[in-house]
Amino acid sequence: MGLVVLLLVLALLFGGVGLFVEGLKWALIIALVLIVASLFTGSTWRGRRSAL
């Protein structure tokens, strides 16, 4: 019985870590897409100034 509980806890632990890593991967992909999109749309990095 103890072995079953240990295997269940390990499965939940590794599953949670895998889900966390997968979420971080998608967050990184989305962040990179947003950075590239902001570079192409000409945000503040290009130094665009408004006419006075």
Protein backbone atom coordinates (compact mmCIF):
# COMPACT_ATOMS: atom_id res chain seq x y z
CA MET A 1 0.00 0.00 0.00
CA GLY A 2 2.86 2.33 0.81
CA LEU A 3 4.41 1.71 -2.59
CA VAL A 4 1.16 2.61 -4.33
CA VAL A 5 0.92 5.89 -2.42
CA LEU A 6 4.56 6.68 -3.19
CA LEU A 7 4.06 6.03 -6.91
CA LEU A 8 0.91 8.14 -6.93
CA VAL A 9 2.68 11.05 -5.23
CA LEU A 10 5.61 10.79 -7.65
CA ALA A 11 3.26 10.69 -10.64
CA LEU A 12 1.45 13.81 -9.42
CA LEU A 13 4.74 15.57 -8.72
CA PHE A 14 6.25 14.83 -12.12
CA GLY A 15 2.98 15.63 -13.85
CA GLY A 16 2.79 18.99 -12.11
CA VAL A 17 6.38 19.82 -13.01
CA GLY A 18 5.76 18.84 -16.62
CA LEU A 19 2.66 21.01 -16.80
CA PHE A 20 4.57 23.94 -15.28
CA VAL A 21 7.40 23.60 -17.80
CA GLU A 22 4.93 23.35 -20.68
CA GLY A 23 3.21 26.53 -19.46
CA LEU A 24 6.54 28.34 -19.25
CA LYS A 25 7.36 27.27 -22.80
CA TRP A 26 4.11 28.70 -24.13
CA ALA A 27 4.55 31.91 -22.12
CA LEU A 28 8.02 32.34 -23.63
CA ILE A 29 6.70 31.78 -27.15
CA ILE A 30 3.91 34.33 -26.64
CA ALA A 31 6.33 36.87 -25.16
CA LEU A 32 8.70 36.52 -28.12
CA VAL A 33 5.84 36.95 -30.59
CA LEU A 34 4.71 40.10 -28.79
CA ILE A 35 8.24 41.53 -28.77
CA VAL A 36 8.66 40.90 -32.50
CA ALA A 37 5.23 42.39 -33.21
CA SER A 38 6.07 45.50 -31.19
CA LEU A 39 9.33 45.93 -33.12
CA PHE A 40 7.48 45.81 -36.44
CA THR A 41 4.73 48.19 -35.36
CA GLY A 42 7.23 50.86 -34.33
CA SER A 43 6.73 51.20 -30.62
CA THR A 44 8.94 53.29 -28.33
CA TRP A 45 12.18 51.48 -29.24
CA ARG A 46 12.49 53.34 -32.55
CA GLY A 47 12.35 56.70 -30.84
CA ARG A 48 9.31 57.97 -32.69
CA ARG A 49 8.53 61.51 -31.53
CA SER A 50 5.30 63.40 -31.90
CA ALA A 51 5.28 66.65 -33.87
CA LEU A 52 4.83 69.77 -31.76
